Amino acid sequence: MQNFNTDQLENINATLETLKGLLYAANDITEQAYNLVSGHLATDSDILAPQLDRLGDELLALSNSSITMTEQAQGQLHSVTRELLEGAN
């Protein structure tokens, strides 16, 4: 059987755990945005607009981070898979 680098598999696991944390954070911010829009926070549009802008910026940053972490996980999986396949030959 092919000897594979366990460090690579641990790195994949760490990346996926980070991705999971980012997605939980995105969920929390989405919930905050919902509460804001549904009137649980300010109802004055002058107060509401900056809060919505900040939440939008946070959602965008989390989305970008999620994409980056997913791409890293995919690259790591690709590397491990390639090594396993090359070793099987």
N, C-alpha and C. Protein backbone atom coordinates (compact mmCIF):
# COMPACT_ATOMS: atom_id res chain seq x y z
N MET A 1 0.85 -1.19 0.00
CA MET A 1 0.00 0.00 0.00
C MET A 1 0.88 1.24 0.00
N GLN A 2 0.42 2.27 -0.63
CA GLN A 2 1.16 3.54 -0.76
C GLN A 2 1.32 4.19 0.61
N ASN A 3 2.56 4.60 0.91
CA ASN A 3 2.79 5.41 2.10
C ASN A 3 2.43 6.85 1.74
N PHE A 4 1.55 7.45 2.50
CA PHE A 4 1.17 8.82 2.22
C PHE A 4 1.59 9.71 3.37
N ASN A 5 1.67 10.97 3.09
CA ASN A 5 2.12 11.95 4.06
C ASN A 5 0.97 12.29 5.00
N THR A 6 1.07 11.85 6.24
CA THR A 6 0.00 12.12 7.20
C THR A 6 -0.11 13.61 7.52
N ASP A 7 1.02 14.34 7.38
CA ASP A 7 0.95 15.79 7.59
C ASP A 7 0.00 16.44 6.59
N GLN A 8 0.00 15.96 5.36
CA GLN A 8 -0.90 16.52 4.35
C GLN A 8 -2.36 16.27 4.75
N LEU A 9 -2.64 15.09 5.23
CA LEU A 9 -4.01 14.79 5.64
C LEU A 9 -4.41 15.64 6.86
N GLU A 10 -3.48 15.85 7.78
CA GLU A 10 -3.77 16.71 8.92
C GLU A 10 -3.99 18.15 8.47
N ASN A 11 -3.23 18.60 7.48
CA ASN A 11 -3.43 19.95 6.93
C ASN A 11 -4.80 20.08 6.29
N ILE A 12 -5.24 19.05 5.60
CA ILE A 12 -6.57 19.07 4.99
C ILE A 12 -7.62 19.17 6.08
N ASN A 13 -7.46 18.38 7.11
CA ASN A 13 -8.42 18.41 8.20
C ASN A 13 -8.46 19.79 8.85
N ALA A 14 -7.30 20.40 9.09
CA ALA A 14 -7.25 21.73 9.69
C ALA A 14 -7.92 22.76 8.78
N THR A 15 -7.69 22.65 7.48
CA THR A 15 -8.31 23.57 6.53
C THR A 15 -9.83 23.43 6.55
N LEU A 16 -10.29 22.21 6.58
CA LEU A 16 -11.74 21.97 6.60
C LEU A 16 -12.36 22.45 7.91
N GLU A 17 -11.66 22.28 9.01
CA GLU A 17 -12.15 22.78 10.29
C GLU A 17 -12.24 24.31 10.27
N THR A 18 -11.25 24.96 9.67
CA THR A 18 -11.28 26.42 9.55
C THR A 18 -12.45 26.84 8.68
N LEU A 19 -12.66 26.13 7.59
CA LEU A 19 -13.79 26.42 6.70
C LEU A 19 -15.10 26.29 7.46
N LYS A 20 -15.22 25.25 8.24
CA LYS A 20 -16.44 25.06 9.02
C LYS A 20 -16.65 26.24 9.98
N GLY A 21 -15.59 26.70 10.63
CA GLY A 21 -15.70 27.85 11.52
C GLY A 21 -16.13 29.11 10.79
N LEU A 22 -15.57 29.32 9.59
CA LEU A 22 -15.96 30.48 8.79
C LEU A 22 -17.44 30.41 8.41
N LEU A 23 -17.89 29.23 8.06
CA LEU A 23 -19.29 29.09 7.67
C LEU A 23 -20.23 29.30 8.85
N TYR A 24 -19.82 28.85 10.03
CA TYR A 24 -20.62 29.14 11.22
C TYR A 24 -20.68 30.64 11.48
N ALA A 25 -19.55 31.31 11.32
CA ALA A 25 -19.53 32.76 11.51
C ALA A 25 -20.43 33.46 10.49
N ALA A 26 -20.40 32.99 9.24
CA ALA A 26 -21.27 33.56 8.20
C ALA A 26 -22.73 33.37 8.59
N ASN A 27 -23.04 32.22 9.14
CA ASN A 27 -24.40 31.96 9.57
C ASN A 27 -24.81 32.93 10.67
N ASP A 28 -23.92 33.15 11.64
CA ASP A 28 -24.22 34.08 12.73
C ASP A 28 -24.45 35.50 12.21
N ILE A 29 -23.60 35.94 11.28
CA ILE A 29 -23.76 37.28 10.73
C ILE A 29 -25.05 37.38 9.91
N THR A 30 -25.39 36.34 9.21
CA THR A 30 -26.64 36.33 8.45
C THR A 30 -27.82 36.46 9.41
N GLU A 31 -27.75 35.77 10.51
CA GLU A 31 -28.82 35.88 11.51
C GLU A 31 -28.90 37.30 12.07
N GLN A 32 -27.75 37.91 12.32
CA GLN A 32 -27.74 39.30 12.79
C GLN A 32 -28.36 40.22 11.75
N ALA A 33 -28.03 40.00 10.49
CA ALA A 33 -28.59 40.84 9.43
C ALA A 33 -30.11 40.68 9.37
N TYR A 34 -30.56 39.45 9.51
CA TYR A 34 -32.00 39.22 9.50
C TYR A 34 -32.67 39.98 10.64
N ASN A 35 -32.08 39.87 11.84
CA ASN A 35 -32.65 40.57 12.99
C ASN A 35 -32.64 42.08 12.79
N LEU A 36 -31.59 42.57 12.19
CA LEU A 36 -31.49 44.01 11.92
C LEU A 36 -32.59 44.45 10.97
N VAL A 37 -32.72 43.74 9.87
CA VAL A 37 -33.71 44.10 8.86
C VAL A 37 -35.13 43.91 9.38
N SER A 38 -35.33 42.92 10.21
CA SER A 38 -36.69 42.65 10.69
C SER A 38 -37.11 43.58 11.82
N GLY A 39 -36.23 44.50 12.19
CA GLY A 39 -36.63 45.52 13.14
C GLY A 39 -36.20 45.29 14.58
N HIS A 40 -35.35 44.29 14.83
CA HIS A 40 -34.91 44.06 16.19
C HIS A 40 -33.89 45.09 16.65
N LEU A 41 -33.27 45.78 15.71
CA LEU A 41 -32.32 46.83 16.07
C LEU A 41 -32.95 48.17 15.74
N ALA A 42 -32.20 49.07 15.17
CA ALA A 42 -32.69 50.42 14.88
C ALA A 42 -33.70 50.41 13.74
N THR A 43 -34.65 51.32 13.83
CA THR A 43 -35.62 51.47 12.75
C THR A 43 -35.39 52.76 11.97
N ASP A 44 -34.58 53.65 12.48
CA ASP A 44 -34.27 54.90 11.80
C ASP A 44 -33.30 54.60 10.65
N SER A 45 -33.65 55.01 9.44
CA SER A 45 -32.84 54.67 8.27
C SER A 45 -31.43 55.26 8.34
N ASP A 46 -31.25 56.41 9.01
CA ASP A 46 -29.90 56.98 9.15
C ASP A 46 -29.01 56.10 10.02
N ILE A 47 -29.59 55.43 10.97
CA ILE A 47 -28.85 54.52 11.84
C ILE A 47 -28.72 53.15 11.17
N LEU A 48 -29.76 52.74 10.50
CA LEU A 48 -29.81 51.42 9.89
C LEU A 48 -28.82 51.25 8.74
N ALA A 49 -28.67 52.26 7.90
CA ALA A 49 -27.82 52.14 6.71
C ALA A 49 -26.37 51.79 7.05
N PRO A 50 -25.71 52.46 7.98
CA PRO A 50 -24.33 52.09 8.29
C PRO A 50 -24.21 50.68 8.87
N GLN A 51 -25.19 50.28 9.65
CA GLN A 51 -25.16 48.93 10.22
C GLN A 51 -25.31 47.88 9.12
N LEU A 52 -26.19 48.14 8.18
CA LEU A 52 -26.35 47.21 7.06
C LEU A 52 -25.09 47.17 6.21
N ASP A 53 -24.47 48.32 5.98
CA ASP A 53 -23.22 48.36 5.22
C ASP A 53 -22.15 47.53 5.91
N ARG A 54 -22.02 47.69 7.22
CA ARG A 54 -21.01 46.94 7.98
C ARG A 54 -21.28 45.44 7.90
N LEU A 55 -22.52 45.05 8.07
CA LEU A 55 -22.87 43.63 7.97
C LEU A 55 -22.60 43.09 6.57
N GLY A 56 -22.90 43.90 5.56
CA GLY A 56 -22.61 43.49 4.19
C GLY A 56 -21.14 43.29 3.96
N ASP A 57 -20.32 44.19 4.48
CA ASP A 57 -18.87 44.06 4.36
C ASP A 57 -18.37 42.80 5.07
N GLU A 58 -18.91 42.53 6.25
CA GLU A 58 -18.52 41.34 6.99
C GLU A 58 -18.92 40.06 6.25
N LEU A 59 -20.10 40.06 5.68
CA LEU A 59 -20.54 38.89 4.91
C LEU A 59 -19.65 38.66 3.69
N LEU A 60 -19.30 39.74 3.02
CA LEU A 60 -18.43 39.63 1.85
C LEU A 60 -17.05 39.09 2.26
N ALA A 61 -16.50 39.60 3.35
CA ALA A 61 -15.19 39.13 3.82
C ALA A 61 -15.25 37.65 4.19
N LEU A 62 -16.30 37.25 4.87
CA LEU A 62 -16.44 35.83 5.23
C LEU A 62 -16.63 34.95 3.99
N SER A 63 -17.37 35.44 3.04
CA SER A 63 -17.56 34.69 1.80
C SER A 63 -16.24 34.49 1.08
N ASN A 64 -15.46 35.56 0.97
CA ASN A 64 -14.16 35.46 0.32
C ASN A 64 -13.24 34.50 1.06
N SER A 65 -13.24 34.58 2.38
CA SER A 65 -12.43 33.66 3.18
C SER A 65 -12.87 32.22 2.99
N SER A 66 -14.17 32.00 2.92
CA SER A 66 -14.69 30.65 2.70
C SER A 66 -14.24 30.09 1.36
N ILE A 67 -14.28 30.93 0.35
CA ILE A 67 -13.85 30.50 -0.98
C ILE A 67 -12.37 30.15 -0.96
N THR A 68 -11.55 30.99 -0.33
CA THR A 68 -10.12 30.75 -0.26
C THR A 68 -9.82 29.45 0.48
N MET A 69 -10.47 29.23 1.60
CA MET A 69 -10.24 28.01 2.37
C MET A 69 -10.69 26.77 1.59
N THR A 70 -11.79 26.89 0.88
CA THR A 70 -12.26 25.77 0.07
C THR A 70 -11.27 25.44 -1.03
N GLU A 71 -10.74 26.47 -1.69
CA GLU A 71 -9.74 26.25 -2.74
C GLU A 71 -8.49 25.59 -2.18
N GLN A 72 -8.07 25.99 -0.98
CA GLN A 72 -6.91 25.37 -0.35
C GLN A 72 -7.18 23.89 -0.06
N ALA A 73 -8.36 23.60 0.44
CA ALA A 73 -8.71 22.21 0.72
C ALA A 73 -8.73 21.39 -0.55
N GLN A 74 -9.28 21.95 -1.60
CA GLN A 74 -9.31 21.23 -2.88
C GLN A 74 -7.90 20.98 -3.40
N GLY A 75 -7.02 21.96 -3.29
CA GLY A 75 -5.64 21.79 -3.73
C GLY A 75 -4.93 20.72 -2.92
N GLN A 76 -5.14 20.72 -1.62
CA GLN A 76 -4.52 19.72 -0.77
C GLN A 76 -5.04 18.32 -1.10
N LEU A 77 -6.33 18.21 -1.29
CA LEU A 77 -6.90 16.91 -1.65
C LEU A 77 -6.36 16.43 -2.99
N HIS A 78 -6.22 17.35 -3.93
CA HIS A 78 -5.69 17.01 -5.24
C HIS A 78 -4.26 16.47 -5.11
N SER A 79 -3.45 17.13 -4.31
CA SER A 79 -2.05 16.70 -4.12
C SER A 79 -1.97 15.32 -3.50
N VAL A 80 -2.75 15.09 -2.45
CA VAL A 80 -2.73 13.79 -1.79
C VAL A 80 -3.23 12.70 -2.72
N THR A 81 -4.29 12.98 -3.44
CA THR A 81 -4.85 12.00 -4.36
C THR A 81 -3.85 11.66 -5.45
N ARG A 82 -3.20 12.68 -6.00
CA ARG A 82 -2.20 12.45 -7.04
C ARG A 82 -1.06 11.57 -6.52
N GLU A 83 -0.58 11.86 -5.32
CA GLU A 83 0.49 11.06 -4.74
C GLU A 83 0.05 9.62 -4.50
N LEU A 84 -1.17 9.45 -4.03
CA LEU A 84 -1.68 8.10 -3.81
C LEU A 84 -1.80 7.33 -5.11
N LEU A 85 -2.27 7.99 -6.15
CA LEU A 85 -2.43 7.34 -7.45
C LEU A 85 -1.08 7.03 -8.07
N GLU A 86 -0.13 7.94 -7.95
CA GLU A 86 1.20 7.69 -8.50
C GLU A 86 1.88 6.54 -7.77
N GLY A 87 1.65 6.43 -6.47
CA GLY A 87 2.24 5.36 -5.69
C GLY A 87 1.61 4.01 -5.95
N ALA A 88 0.37 4.02 -6.44
CA ALA A 88 -0.33 2.77 -6.71
C ALA A 88 0.17 2.11 -7.99
N ASN A 89 0.84 2.88 -8.84
CA ASN A 89 1.32 2.35 -10.13
C ASN A 89 2.62 1.64 -9.98
